[in-house]
Amino acid sequence: MNSKLYDAILKAKRTKKLTWKKMGEELKHAPVWVASVCQGMNSAPLPDAKKIAALLDLGEDVAEQLAECPTRIFAQTVPTDPLIYRFYEIVGVYGQSIKQVIHEEFGDGIMSAIDFSMSIDRIPDPKGDRVQIVLNGKFLPYKVY
């Protein structure tokens, strides 16, 4: 997605005082998915793309762009944003362990990032609220030939 389109989406979101959570509720989709579509990392089916554009008071052209299949490009270097870096660190520290546990439980294969859902919730805690992230992907076994 071009940065001008993303800037227009963010401006409309701010102007309308929307959050990703509110947009997700309105659109009946996960807030993370809506944000990903708006950032150009996922495409939306045209009816959903039209709803996103309408919610933001953006035109048909925006809806068509949100429905296009994106080219997913992300930085290959270690991220410097602290929150994103922590995910990088989690995968670096626990990635092999997660892989081994999944293989013990399911066999040789991968977790789908296509047939996939994610939720992010705030969990109250007396020592400070917790972030709970649930990744739910279909297991895809490797075929035996």
C-alpha atoms as a PDB file:
ATOM      1  CA  MET A   1       0.000   0.000   0.000  1.00  0.00           C
ATOM      2  CA  ASN A   2       1.265   3.434  -0.707  1.00  0.00           C
ATOM      3  CA  SER A   3       1.974   5.681   2.220  1.00  0.00           C
ATOM      4  CA  LYS A   4      -0.410   8.398   0.972  1.00  0.00           C
ATOM      5  CA  LEU A   5      -3.337   5.996   1.211  1.00  0.00           C
ATOM      6  CA  TYR A   6      -2.319   4.865   4.696  1.00  0.00           C
ATOM      7  CA  ASP A   7      -1.873   8.508   5.766  1.00  0.00           C
ATOM      8  CA  ALA A   8      -5.392   9.284   4.472  1.00  0.00           C
ATOM      9  CA  ILE A   9      -6.799   6.307   6.376  1.00  0.00           C
ATOM     10  CA  LEU A  10      -5.074   7.361   9.613  1.00  0.00           C
ATOM     11  CA  LYS A  11      -6.247  10.956   9.193  1.00  0.00           C
ATOM     12  CA  ALA A  12      -9.846   9.816   8.664  1.00  0.00           C
ATOM     13  CA  LYS A  13      -9.586   7.466  11.649  1.00  0.00           C
ATOM     14  CA  ARG A  14      -8.338  10.317  13.873  1.00  0.00           C
ATOM     15  CA  THR A  15     -10.920  12.769  12.556  1.00  0.00           C
ATOM     16  CA  LYS A  16     -13.744  10.350  13.291  1.00  0.00           C
ATOM     17  CA  LYS A  17     -12.182   9.507  16.688  1.00  0.00           C
ATOM     18  CA  LEU A  18     -12.161   5.808  15.864  1.00  0.00           C
ATOM     19  CA  THR A  19      -9.993   3.077  17.334  1.00  0.00           C
ATOM     20  CA  TRP A  20      -9.133  -0.228  15.676  1.00  0.00           C
ATOM     21  CA  LYS A  21     -11.293  -1.895  18.319  1.00  0.00           C
ATOM     22  CA  LYS A  22     -14.309   0.305  17.509  1.00  0.00           C
ATOM     23  CA  MET A  23     -13.771  -0.276  13.798  1.00  0.00           C
ATOM     24  CA  GLY A  24     -13.544  -4.035  14.349  1.00  0.00           C
ATOM     25  CA  GLU A  25     -16.761  -4.037  16.360  1.00  0.00           C
ATOM     26  CA  GLU A  26     -18.549  -1.965  13.727  1.00  0.00           C
ATOM     27  CA  LEU A  27     -17.283  -4.162  10.892  1.00  0.00           C
ATOM     28  CA  LYS A  28     -17.697  -7.434  12.835  1.00  0.00           C
ATOM     29  CA  HIS A  29     -14.028  -8.337  12.323  1.00  0.00           C
ATOM     30  CA  ALA A  30     -11.025  -8.603  14.613  1.00  0.00           C
ATOM     31  CA  PRO A  31      -9.396  -5.193  15.213  1.00  0.00           C
ATOM     32  CA  VAL A  32      -5.981  -6.607  14.274  1.00  0.00           C
ATOM     33  CA  TRP A  33      -7.302  -7.748  10.900  1.00  0.00           C
ATOM     34  CA  VAL A  34      -8.908  -4.359  10.189  1.00  0.00           C
ATOM     35  CA  ALA A  35      -5.653  -2.586  11.080  1.00  0.00           C
ATOM     36  CA  SER A  36      -3.693  -4.992   8.885  1.00  0.00           C
ATOM     37  CA  VAL A  37      -5.974  -4.324   5.915  1.00  0.00           C
ATOM     38  CA  CYS A  38      -5.677  -0.571   6.464  1.00  0.00           C
ATOM     39  CA  GLN A  39      -1.880  -0.895   6.621  1.00  0.00           C
ATOM     40  CA  GLY A  40      -1.774  -2.821   3.351  1.00  0.00           C
ATOM     41  CA  MET A  41      -0.656  -6.157   4.806  1.00  0.00           C
ATOM     42  CA  ASN A  42      -3.952  -7.960   4.073  1.00  0.00           C
ATOM     43  CA  SER A  43      -6.705  -7.504   1.544  1.00  0.00           C
ATOM     44  CA  ALA A  44     -10.384  -7.337   2.380  1.00  0.00           C
ATOM     45  CA  PRO A  45     -13.179  -8.895   0.344  1.00  0.00           C
ATOM     46  CA  LEU A  46     -14.732  -6.044  -1.638  1.00  0.00           C
ATOM     47  CA  PRO A  47     -17.926  -5.848   0.499  1.00  0.00           C
ATOM     48  CA  ASP A  48     -15.766  -5.475   3.643  1.00  0.00           C
ATOM     49  CA  ALA A  49     -13.422  -3.039   1.901  1.00  0.00           C
ATOM     50  CA  LYS A  50     -16.457  -0.918   1.008  1.00  0.00           C
ATOM     51  CA  LYS A  51     -17.599  -0.974   4.649  1.00  0.00           C
ATOM     52  CA  ILE A  52     -14.153   0.150   5.827  1.00  0.00           C
ATOM     53  CA  ALA A  53     -14.057   2.965   3.278  1.00  0.00           C
ATOM     54  CA  ALA A  54     -17.612   4.032   4.184  1.00  0.00           C
ATOM     55  CA  LEU A  55     -16.855   3.977   7.911  1.00  0.00           C
ATOM     56  CA  LEU A  56     -13.921   6.315   7.250  1.00  0.00           C
ATOM     57  CA  ASP A  57     -15.878   8.439   4.730  1.00  0.00           C
ATOM     58  CA  LEU A  58     -13.351   7.551   2.044  1.00  0.00           C
ATOM     59  CA  GLY A  59     -14.310   6.863  -1.549  1.00  0.00           C
ATOM     60  CA  GLU A  60     -14.850   3.858  -3.793  1.00  0.00           C
ATOM     61  CA  ASP A  61     -11.236   4.132  -4.968  1.00  0.00           C
ATOM     62  CA  VAL A  62     -10.038   3.432  -1.412  1.00  0.00           C
ATOM     63  CA  ALA A  63     -12.354   0.424  -1.165  1.00  0.00           C
ATOM     64  CA  GLU A  64     -10.931  -0.974  -4.401  1.00  0.00           C
ATOM     65  CA  GLN A  65      -7.368  -0.491  -3.138  1.00  0.00           C
ATOM     66  CA  LEU A  66      -8.191  -2.211   0.180  1.00  0.00           C
ATOM     67  CA  ALA A  67      -9.556  -5.175  -1.805  1.00  0.00           C
ATOM     68  CA  GLU A  68      -6.402  -5.583  -3.912  1.00  0.00           C
ATOM     69  CA  CYS A  69      -4.015  -8.413  -3.087  1.00  0.00           C
ATOM     70  CA  PRO A  70      -1.079  -6.755  -1.323  1.00  0.00           C
ATOM     71  CA  THR A  71       2.617  -7.235  -1.755  1.00  0.00           C
ATOM     72  CA  ARG A  72       3.692  -7.981   1.782  1.00  0.00           C
ATOM     73  CA  ILE A  73       7.014  -6.339   2.419  1.00  0.00           C
ATOM     74  CA  PHE A  74       8.423  -5.839   5.872  1.00  0.00           C
ATOM     75  CA  ALA A  75      11.824  -4.970   7.232  1.00  0.00           C
ATOM     76  CA  GLN A  76      14.353  -7.783   7.344  1.00  0.00           C
ATOM     77  CA  THR A  77      16.434  -6.094  10.028  1.00  0.00           C
ATOM     78  CA  VAL A  78      15.963  -6.261  13.783  1.00  0.00           C
ATOM     79  CA  PRO A  79      13.107  -3.869  14.587  1.00  0.00           C
ATOM     80  CA  THR A  80      13.841  -0.918  16.844  1.00  0.00           C
ATOM     81  CA  ASP A  81      10.292  -0.199  18.015  1.00  0.00           C
ATOM     82  CA  PRO A  82      10.257  -1.629  21.571  1.00  0.00           C
ATOM     83  CA  LEU A  83       6.889  -3.391  21.296  1.00  0.00           C
ATOM     84  CA  ILE A  84       7.659  -4.972  17.915  1.00  0.00           C
ATOM     85  CA  TYR A  85      11.173  -5.859  19.083  1.00  0.00           C
ATOM     86  CA  ARG A  86       9.688  -7.866  21.976  1.00  0.00           C
ATOM     87  CA  PHE A  87       7.856 -10.092  19.495  1.00  0.00           C
ATOM     88  CA  TYR A  88      11.116 -10.515  17.598  1.00  0.00           C
ATOM     89  CA  GLU A  89      12.763 -11.401  20.905  1.00  0.00           C
ATOM     90  CA  ILE A  90       9.982 -13.873  21.813  1.00  0.00           C
ATOM     91  CA  VAL A  91      10.447 -15.712  18.529  1.00  0.00           C
ATOM     92  CA  GLY A  92      14.230 -15.593  18.932  1.00  0.00           C
ATOM     93  CA  VAL A  93      14.160 -16.993  22.461  1.00  0.00           C
ATOM     94  CA  TYR A  94      11.177 -19.347  22.217  1.00  0.00           C
ATOM     95  CA  GLY A  95      10.837 -20.052  18.481  1.00  0.00           C
ATOM     96  CA  GLN A  96      12.637 -23.397  18.451  1.00  0.00           C
ATOM     97  CA  SER A  97      10.837 -24.489  21.632  1.00  0.00           C
ATOM     98  CA  ILE A  98       7.435 -23.553  20.173  1.00  0.00           C
ATOM     99  CA  LYS A  99       8.336 -25.448  16.990  1.00  0.00           C
ATOM    100  CA  GLN A 100       9.354 -28.563  18.944  1.00  0.00           C
ATOM    101  CA  VAL A 101       6.213 -28.536  21.105  1.00  0.00           C
ATOM    102  CA  ILE A 102       3.968 -28.121  18.041  1.00  0.00           C
ATOM    103  CA  HIS A 103       5.761 -30.986  16.274  1.00  0.00           C
ATOM    104  CA  GLU A 104       5.406 -33.237  19.337  1.00  0.00           C
ATOM    105  CA  GLU A 105       1.699 -32.444  19.558  1.00  0.00           C
ATOM    106  CA  PHE A 106       0.750 -32.393  15.850  1.00  0.00           C
ATOM    107  CA  GLY A 107       3.605 -33.905  13.849  1.00  0.00           C
ATOM    108  CA  ASP A 108       5.629 -32.324  11.065  1.00  0.00           C
ATOM    109  CA  GLY A 109       3.887 -29.242   9.704  1.00  0.00           C
ATOM    110  CA  ILE A 110       3.185 -25.568  10.242  1.00  0.00           C
ATOM    111  CA  MET A 111       0.569 -23.256  11.714  1.00  0.00           C
ATOM    112  CA  SER A 112      -1.356 -21.436   9.029  1.00  0.00           C
ATOM    113  CA  ALA A 113      -1.188 -17.658   8.887  1.00  0.00           C
ATOM    114  CA  ILE A 114      -4.024 -17.740   6.338  1.00  0.00           C
ATOM    115  CA  ASP A 115      -6.609 -19.870   8.163  1.00  0.00           C
ATOM    116  CA  PHE A 116      -5.832 -17.866  11.270  1.00  0.00           C
ATOM    117  CA  SER A 117      -7.335 -15.630  13.923  1.00  0.00           C
ATOM    118  CA  MET A 118      -5.839 -13.425  16.607  1.00  0.00           C
ATOM    119  CA  SER A 119      -7.238 -11.664  19.629  1.00  0.00           C
ATOM    120  CA  ILE A 120      -5.680  -9.116  21.946  1.00  0.00           C
ATOM    121  CA  ASP A 121      -7.180  -8.543  25.374  1.00  0.00           C
ATOM    122  CA  ARG A 122      -6.424  -6.557  28.520  1.00  0.00           C
ATOM    123  CA  ILE A 123      -6.346  -8.777  31.595  1.00  0.00           C
ATOM    124  CA  PRO A 124      -6.633  -6.831  34.874  1.00  0.00           C
ATOM    125  CA  ASP A 125      -3.927  -7.732  37.395  1.00  0.00           C
ATOM    126  CA  PRO A 126      -3.144  -6.138  40.773  1.00  0.00           C
ATOM    127  CA  LYS A 127       0.537  -5.916  39.796  1.00  0.00           C
ATOM    128  CA  GLY A 128      -0.286  -4.151  36.504  1.00  0.00           C
ATOM    129  CA  ASP A 129      -2.604  -5.021  33.643  1.00  0.00           C
ATOM    130  CA  ARG A 130      -1.472  -7.869  31.384  1.00  0.00           C
ATOM    131  CA  VAL A 131      -1.566  -8.173  27.603  1.00  0.00           C
ATOM    132  CA  GLN A 132      -3.042 -11.452  26.402  1.00  0.00           C
ATOM    133  CA  ILE A 133      -2.434 -12.350  22.766  1.00  0.00           C
ATOM    134  CA  VAL A 134      -3.999 -15.498  21.358  1.00  0.00           C
ATOM    135  CA  LEU A 135      -2.812 -16.797  17.976  1.00  0.00           C
ATOM    136  CA  ASN A 136      -5.117 -19.456  16.535  1.00  0.00           C
ATOM    137  CA  GLY A 137      -3.989 -21.046  13.282  1.00  0.00           C
ATOM    138  CA  LYS A 138      -5.004 -24.218  11.496  1.00  0.00           C
ATOM    139  CA  PHE A 139      -2.331 -26.926  11.572  1.00  0.00           C
ATOM    140  CA  LEU A 140      -1.103 -27.779   8.089  1.00  0.00           C
ATOM    141  CA  PRO A 141       0.787 -31.081   7.979  1.00  0.00           C
ATOM    142  CA  TYR A 142       3.522 -31.641   5.403  1.00  0.00           C
ATOM    143  CA  LYS A 143       2.496 -34.286   2.880  1.00  0.00           C
ATOM    144  CA  VAL A 144       4.255 -37.616   2.780  1.00  0.00           C
ATOM    145  CA  TYR A 145       5.071 -38.702  -0.786  1.00  0.00           C
END
